Amino acid sequence: YLQMNSLKPEDTAVYYCNAYWGLD
């Protein structure tokens, strides 16, 4: 999970989850 508090306009983006297991 990602808890995001005190959000700012500069936090605007597409957020991607990543997992590394030898490959991404």
PDB file of all heavy atoms in Angstrom:
ATOM      1  N   TYR A   1       0.835  -1.188   0.000  1.00  0.00           N
ATOM      2  CA  TYR A   1       0.000   0.000   0.000  1.00  0.00           C
ATOM      3  C   TYR A   1       0.876   1.246   0.000  1.00  0.00           C
ATOM      4  O   TYR A   1       2.034   1.208   0.404  1.00  0.00           O
ATOM      5  CB  TYR A   1      -0.890   0.019   1.241  1.00  0.00           C
ATOM      6  CG  TYR A   1      -1.677  -1.241   1.456  1.00  0.00           C
ATOM      7  CD1 TYR A   1      -1.177  -2.254   2.271  1.00  0.00           C
ATOM      8  CD2 TYR A   1      -2.895  -1.434   0.825  1.00  0.00           C
ATOM      9  CE1 TYR A   1      -1.881  -3.427   2.458  1.00  0.00           C
ATOM     10  CE2 TYR A   1      -3.612  -2.609   1.006  1.00  0.00           C
ATOM     11  CZ  TYR A   1      -3.099  -3.596   1.821  1.00  0.00           C
ATOM     12  OH  TYR A   1      -3.804  -4.758   1.996  1.00  0.00           O
ATOM     13  N   LEU A   2       0.287   2.334  -0.452  1.00  0.00           N
ATOM     14  CA  LEU A   2       0.946   3.626  -0.364  1.00  0.00           C
ATOM     15  C   LEU A   2      -0.057   4.624   0.201  1.00  0.00           C
ATOM     16  O   LEU A   2      -1.032   4.979  -0.469  1.00  0.00           O
ATOM     17  CB  LEU A   2       1.446   4.107  -1.725  1.00  0.00           C
ATOM     18  CG  LEU A   2       2.248   5.408  -1.705  1.00  0.00           C
ATOM     19  CD1 LEU A   2       3.581   5.193  -0.978  1.00  0.00           C
ATOM     20  CD2 LEU A   2       2.494   5.930  -3.115  1.00  0.00           C
ATOM     21  N   GLN A   3       0.159   5.038   1.441  1.00  0.00           N
ATOM     22  CA  GLN A   3      -0.678   6.049   2.061  1.00  0.00           C
ATOM     23  C   GLN A   3      -0.083   7.411   1.738  1.00  0.00           C
ATOM     24  O   GLN A   3       1.077   7.678   2.065  1.00  0.00           O
ATOM     25  CB  GLN A   3      -0.733   5.844   3.577  1.00  0.00           C
ATOM     26  CG  GLN A   3      -1.549   6.882   4.310  1.00  0.00           C
ATOM     27  CD  GLN A   3      -3.029   6.819   3.975  1.00  0.00           C
ATOM     28  OE1 GLN A   3      -3.599   5.740   3.874  1.00  0.00           O
ATOM     29  NE2 GLN A   3      -3.641   7.982   3.776  1.00  0.00           N
ATOM     30  N   MET A   4      -0.866   8.249   1.104  1.00  0.00           N
ATOM     31  CA  MET A   4      -0.389   9.559   0.672  1.00  0.00           C
ATOM     32  C   MET A   4      -1.179  10.637   1.405  1.00  0.00           C
ATOM     33  O   MET A   4      -2.396  10.744   1.239  1.00  0.00           O
ATOM     34  CB  MET A   4      -0.561   9.706  -0.839  1.00  0.00           C
ATOM     35  CG  MET A   4       0.120   8.623  -1.649  1.00  0.00           C
ATOM     36  SD  MET A   4       0.025   8.878  -3.432  1.00  0.00           S
ATOM     37  CE  MET A   4      -1.725   8.662  -3.690  1.00  0.00           C
ATOM     38  N   ASN A   5      -0.491  11.403   2.237  1.00  0.00           N
ATOM     39  CA  ASN A   5      -1.098  12.485   3.005  1.00  0.00           C
ATOM     40  C   ASN A   5      -0.524  13.819   2.562  1.00  0.00           C
ATOM     41  O   ASN A   5       0.517  13.877   1.914  1.00  0.00           O
ATOM     42  CB  ASN A   5      -0.846  12.274   4.498  1.00  0.00           C
ATOM     43  CG  ASN A   5      -1.441  10.990   5.031  1.00  0.00           C
ATOM     44  OD1 ASN A   5      -2.501  10.543   4.577  1.00  0.00           O
ATOM     45  ND2 ASN A   5      -0.759  10.384   5.992  1.00  0.00           N
ATOM     46  N   SER A   6      -1.206  14.882   2.934  1.00  0.00           N
ATOM     47  CA  SER A   6      -0.750  16.244   2.619  1.00  0.00           C
ATOM     48  C   SER A   6      -0.392  16.369   1.139  1.00  0.00           C
ATOM     49  O   SER A   6       0.669  16.901   0.776  1.00  0.00           O
ATOM     50  CB  SER A   6       0.459  16.610   3.482  1.00  0.00           C
ATOM     51  OG  SER A   6       0.138  16.518   4.859  1.00  0.00           O
ATOM     52  N   LEU A   7      -1.272  15.894   0.298  1.00  0.00           N
ATOM     53  CA  LEU A   7      -0.998  15.874  -1.136  1.00  0.00           C
ATOM     54  C   LEU A   7      -0.895  17.279  -1.713  1.00  0.00           C
ATOM     55  O   LEU A   7      -1.591  18.206  -1.264  1.00  0.00           O
ATOM     56  CB  LEU A   7      -2.087  15.078  -1.863  1.00  0.00           C
ATOM     57  CG  LEU A   7      -1.920  13.554  -1.748  1.00  0.00           C
ATOM     58  CD1 LEU A   7      -3.225  12.844  -2.047  1.00  0.00           C
ATOM     59  CD2 LEU A   7      -0.812  13.074  -2.675  1.00  0.00           C
ATOM     60  N   LYS A   8      -0.003  17.400  -2.693  1.00  0.00           N
ATOM     61  CA  LYS A   8       0.265  18.671  -3.354  1.00  0.00           C
ATOM     62  C   LYS A   8      -0.026  18.533  -4.854  1.00  0.00           C
ATOM     63  O   LYS A   8       0.035  17.418  -5.382  1.00  0.00           O
ATOM     64  CB  LYS A   8       1.730  19.066  -3.169  1.00  0.00           C
ATOM     65  CG  LYS A   8       2.195  19.127  -1.727  1.00  0.00           C
ATOM     66  CD  LYS A   8       3.691  19.390  -1.659  1.00  0.00           C
ATOM     67  CE  LYS A   8       4.198  19.431  -0.227  1.00  0.00           C
ATOM     68  NZ  LYS A   8       5.660  19.672  -0.162  1.00  0.00           N
ATOM     69  N   PRO A   9      -0.280  19.634  -5.534  1.00  0.00           N
ATOM     70  CA  PRO A   9      -0.505  19.542  -6.989  1.00  0.00           C
ATOM     71  C   PRO A   9       0.650  18.861  -7.726  1.00  0.00           C
ATOM     72  O   PRO A   9       0.418  18.162  -8.720  1.00  0.00           O
ATOM     73  CB  PRO A   9      -0.655  21.002  -7.401  1.00  0.00           C
ATOM     74  CG  PRO A   9      -1.218  21.674  -6.190  1.00  0.00           C
ATOM     75  CD  PRO A   9      -0.550  20.994  -5.032  1.00  0.00           C
ATOM     76  N   GLU A  10       1.860  19.039  -7.233  1.00  0.00           N
ATOM     77  CA  GLU A  10       3.018  18.405  -7.891  1.00  0.00           C
ATOM     78  C   GLU A  10       3.075  16.894  -7.696  1.00  0.00           C
ATOM     79  O   GLU A  10       3.921  16.224  -8.288  1.00  0.00           O
ATOM     80  CB  GLU A  10       4.332  19.039  -7.421  1.00  0.00           C
ATOM     81  CG  GLU A  10       4.492  19.126  -5.918  1.00  0.00           C
ATOM     82  CD  GLU A  10       4.103  20.498  -5.390  1.00  0.00           C
ATOM     83  OE1 GLU A  10       3.046  21.033  -5.810  1.00  0.00           O
ATOM     84  OE2 GLU A  10       4.844  21.015  -4.526  1.00  0.00           O
ATOM     85  N   ASP A  11       2.187  16.352  -6.890  1.00  0.00           N
ATOM     86  CA  ASP A  11       2.072  14.894  -6.757  1.00  0.00           C
ATOM     87  C   ASP A  11       1.198  14.301  -7.859  1.00  0.00           C
ATOM     88  O   ASP A  11       1.101  13.072  -7.971  1.00  0.00           O
ATOM     89  CB  ASP A  11       1.484  14.520  -5.401  1.00  0.00           C
ATOM     90  CG  ASP A  11       2.387  14.894  -4.245  1.00  0.00           C
ATOM     91  OD1 ASP A  11       3.606  14.678  -4.344  1.00  0.00           O
ATOM     92  OD2 ASP A  11       1.862  15.393  -3.221  1.00  0.00           O
ATOM     93  N   THR A  12       0.569  15.149  -8.647  1.00  0.00           N
ATOM     94  CA  THR A  12      -0.266  14.663  -9.745  1.00  0.00           C
ATOM     95  C   THR A  12       0.569  13.856 -10.734  1.00  0.00           C
ATOM     96  O   THR A  12       1.593  14.331 -11.235  1.00  0.00           O
ATOM     97  CB  THR A  12      -0.928  15.852 -10.471  1.00  0.00           C
ATOM     98  OG1 THR A  12      -1.834  16.503  -9.575  1.00  0.00           O
ATOM     99  CG2 THR A  12      -1.689  15.379 -11.705  1.00  0.00           C
ATOM    100  N   ALA A  13       0.139  12.618 -10.987  1.00  0.00           N
ATOM    101  CA  ALA A  13       0.891  11.718 -11.856  1.00  0.00           C
ATOM    102  C   ALA A  13       0.122  10.415 -12.002  1.00  0.00           C
ATOM    103  O   ALA A  13      -0.855  10.178 -11.290  1.00  0.00           O
ATOM    104  CB  ALA A  13       2.272  11.433 -11.264  1.00  0.00           C
ATOM    105  N   VAL A  14       0.611   9.585 -12.899  1.00  0.00           N
ATOM    106  CA  VAL A  14       0.162   8.194 -12.936  1.00  0.00           C
ATOM    107  C   VAL A  14       1.115   7.403 -12.051  1.00  0.00           C
ATOM    108  O   VAL A  14       2.338   7.490 -12.219  1.00  0.00           O
ATOM    109  CB  VAL A  14       0.165   7.630 -14.370  1.00  0.00           C
ATOM    110  CG1 VAL A  14      -0.280   6.172 -14.355  1.00  0.00           C
ATOM    111  CG2 VAL A  14      -0.755   8.455 -15.268  1.00  0.00           C
ATOM    112  N   TYR A  15       0.553   6.686 -11.113  1.00  0.00           N
ATOM    113  CA  TYR A  15       1.334   5.911 -10.165  1.00  0.00           C
ATOM    114  C   TYR A  15       1.326   4.440 -10.587  1.00  0.00           C
ATOM    115  O   TYR A  15       0.266   3.866 -10.862  1.00  0.00           O
ATOM    116  CB  TYR A  15       0.770   6.059  -8.758  1.00  0.00           C
ATOM    117  CG  TYR A  15       1.115   7.398  -8.145  1.00  0.00           C
ATOM    118  CD1 TYR A  15       0.529   8.572  -8.627  1.00  0.00           C
ATOM    119  CD2 TYR A  15       2.030   7.499  -7.100  1.00  0.00           C
ATOM    120  CE1 TYR A  15       0.857   9.805  -8.085  1.00  0.00           C
ATOM    121  CE2 TYR A  15       2.357   8.731  -6.552  1.00  0.00           C
ATOM    122  CZ  TYR A  15       1.775   9.875  -7.051  1.00  0.00           C
ATOM    123  OH  TYR A  15       2.105  11.099  -6.509  1.00  0.00           O
ATOM    124  N   TYR A  16       2.530   3.850 -10.612  1.00  0.00           N
ATOM    125  CA  TYR A  16       2.703   2.472 -11.046  1.00  0.00           C
ATOM    126  C   TYR A  16       3.280   1.623  -9.916  1.00  0.00           C
ATOM    127  O   TYR A  16       4.234   2.029  -9.248  1.00  0.00           O
ATOM    128  CB  TYR A  16       3.660   2.391 -12.228  1.00  0.00           C
ATOM    129  CG  TYR A  16       3.181   3.110 -13.461  1.00  0.00           C
ATOM    130  CD1 TYR A  16       3.511   4.440 -13.687  1.00  0.00           C
ATOM    131  CD2 TYR A  16       2.408   2.445 -14.416  1.00  0.00           C
ATOM    132  CE1 TYR A  16       3.079   5.110 -14.830  1.00  0.00           C
ATOM    133  CE2 TYR A  16       1.973   3.101 -15.559  1.00  0.00           C
ATOM    134  CZ  TYR A  16       2.312   4.436 -15.753  1.00  0.00           C
ATOM    135  OH  TYR A  16       1.883   5.093 -16.883  1.00  0.00           O
ATOM    136  N   CYS A  17       2.744   0.453  -9.760  1.00  0.00           N
ATOM    137  CA  CYS A  17       3.292  -0.522  -8.836  1.00  0.00           C
ATOM    138  C   CYS A  17       4.352  -1.344  -9.573  1.00  0.00           C
ATOM    139  O   CYS A  17       4.173  -1.681 -10.753  1.00  0.00           O
ATOM    140  CB  CYS A  17       2.185  -1.431  -8.316  1.00  0.00           C
ATOM    141  SG  CYS A  17       2.742  -2.678  -7.134  1.00  0.00           S
ATOM    142  N   ASN A  18       5.423  -1.649  -8.874  1.00  0.00           N
ATOM    143  CA  ASN A  18       6.519  -2.437  -9.450  1.00  0.00           C
ATOM    144  C   ASN A  18       6.876  -3.577  -8.524  1.00  0.00           C
ATOM    145  O   ASN A  18       6.851  -3.431  -7.296  1.00  0.00           O
ATOM    146  CB  ASN A  18       7.731  -1.543  -9.662  1.00  0.00           C
ATOM    147  CG  ASN A  18       8.985  -2.327 -10.009  1.00  0.00           C
ATOM    148  OD1 ASN A  18       9.752  -2.695  -9.131  1.00  0.00           O
ATOM    149  ND2 ASN A  18       9.170  -2.591 -11.286  1.00  0.00           N
ATOM    150  N   ALA A  19       7.208  -4.707  -9.103  1.00  0.00           N
ATOM    151  CA  ALA A  19       7.708  -5.852  -8.346  1.00  0.00           C
ATOM    152  C   ALA A  19       8.978  -6.354  -9.009  1.00  0.00           C
ATOM    153  O   ALA A  19       9.035  -6.486 -10.240  1.00  0.00           O
ATOM    154  CB  ALA A  19       6.674  -6.971  -8.294  1.00  0.00           C
ATOM    155  N   TYR A  20      10.004  -6.597  -8.201  1.00  0.00           N
ATOM    156  CA  TYR A  20      11.265  -7.114  -8.726  1.00  0.00           C
ATOM    157  C   TYR A  20      11.471  -8.540  -8.220  1.00  0.00           C
ATOM    158  O   TYR A  20      11.451  -8.804  -7.010  1.00  0.00           O
ATOM    159  CB  TYR A  20      12.429  -6.235  -8.294  1.00  0.00           C
ATOM    160  CG  TYR A  20      13.743  -6.743  -8.822  1.00  0.00           C
ATOM    161  CD1 TYR A  20      14.052  -6.630 -10.172  1.00  0.00           C
ATOM    162  CD2 TYR A  20      14.654  -7.374  -7.985  1.00  0.00           C
ATOM    163  CE1 TYR A  20      15.242  -7.129 -10.679  1.00  0.00           C
ATOM    164  CE2 TYR A  20      15.846  -7.873  -8.486  1.00  0.00           C
ATOM    165  CZ  TYR A  20      16.128  -7.740  -9.823  1.00  0.00           C
ATOM    166  OH  TYR A  20      17.299  -8.237 -10.327  1.00  0.00           O
ATOM    167  N   TRP A  21      11.673  -9.445  -9.180  1.00  0.00           N
ATOM    168  CA  TRP A  21      11.844 -10.867  -8.847  1.00  0.00           C
ATOM    169  C   TRP A  21      12.942 -11.464  -9.698  1.00  0.00           C
ATOM    170  O   TRP A  21      12.878 -12.650 -10.046  1.00  0.00           O
ATOM    171  CB  TRP A  21      10.520 -11.610  -9.044  1.00  0.00           C
ATOM    172  CG  TRP A  21       9.803 -11.288 -10.302  1.00  0.00           C
ATOM    173  CD1 TRP A  21       9.038 -10.184 -10.536  1.00  0.00           C
ATOM    174  CD2 TRP A  21       9.783 -12.052 -11.517  1.00  0.00           C
ATOM    175  NE1 TRP A  21       8.543 -10.206 -11.822  1.00  0.00           N
ATOM    176  CE2 TRP A  21       8.987 -11.344 -12.440  1.00  0.00           C
ATOM    177  CE3 TRP A  21      10.364 -13.258 -11.912  1.00  0.00           C
ATOM    178  CZ2 TRP A  21       8.733 -11.812 -13.730  1.00  0.00           C
ATOM    179  CZ3 TRP A  21      10.117 -13.731 -13.196  1.00  0.00           C
ATOM    180  CH2 TRP A  21       9.316 -13.004 -14.091  1.00  0.00           C
ATOM    181  N   GLY A  22      13.939 -10.603 -10.039  1.00  0.00           N
ATOM    182  CA  GLY A  22      14.957 -10.980 -10.997  1.00  0.00           C
ATOM    183  C   GLY A  22      14.671 -10.273 -12.305  1.00  0.00           C
ATOM    184  O   GLY A  22      15.576  -9.909 -13.053  1.00  0.00           O
ATOM    185  N   LEU A  23      13.445 -10.065 -12.563  1.00  0.00           N
ATOM    186  CA  LEU A  23      12.923  -9.227 -13.635  1.00  0.00           C
ATOM    187  C   LEU A  23      11.924  -8.252 -13.018  1.00  0.00           C
ATOM    188  O   LEU A  23      11.512  -8.416 -11.877  1.00  0.00           O
ATOM    189  CB  LEU A  23      12.234 -10.088 -14.708  1.00  0.00           C
ATOM    190  CG  LEU A  23      13.117 -11.086 -15.471  1.00  0.00           C
ATOM    191  CD1 LEU A  23      12.247 -11.939 -16.391  1.00  0.00           C
ATOM    192  CD2 LEU A  23      14.182 -10.356 -16.273  1.00  0.00           C
ATOM    193  N   ASP A  24      11.558  -7.258 -13.797  1.00  0.00           N
ATOM    194  CA  ASP A  24      10.576  -6.279 -13.321  1.00  0.00           C
ATOM    195  C   ASP A  24       9.195  -6.573 -13.878  1.00  0.00           C
ATOM    196  O   ASP A  24       9.047  -6.899 -15.054  1.00  0.00           O
ATOM    197  CB  ASP A  24      10.976  -4.867 -13.773  1.00  0.00           C
ATOM    198  CG  ASP A  24      12.084  -4.281 -12.928  1.00  0.00           C
ATOM    199  OD1 ASP A  24      11.894  -4.213 -11.694  1.00  0.00           O
ATOM    200  OD2 ASP A  24      13.126  -3.918 -13.486  1.00  0.00           O
TER     201      ASP A  24
END
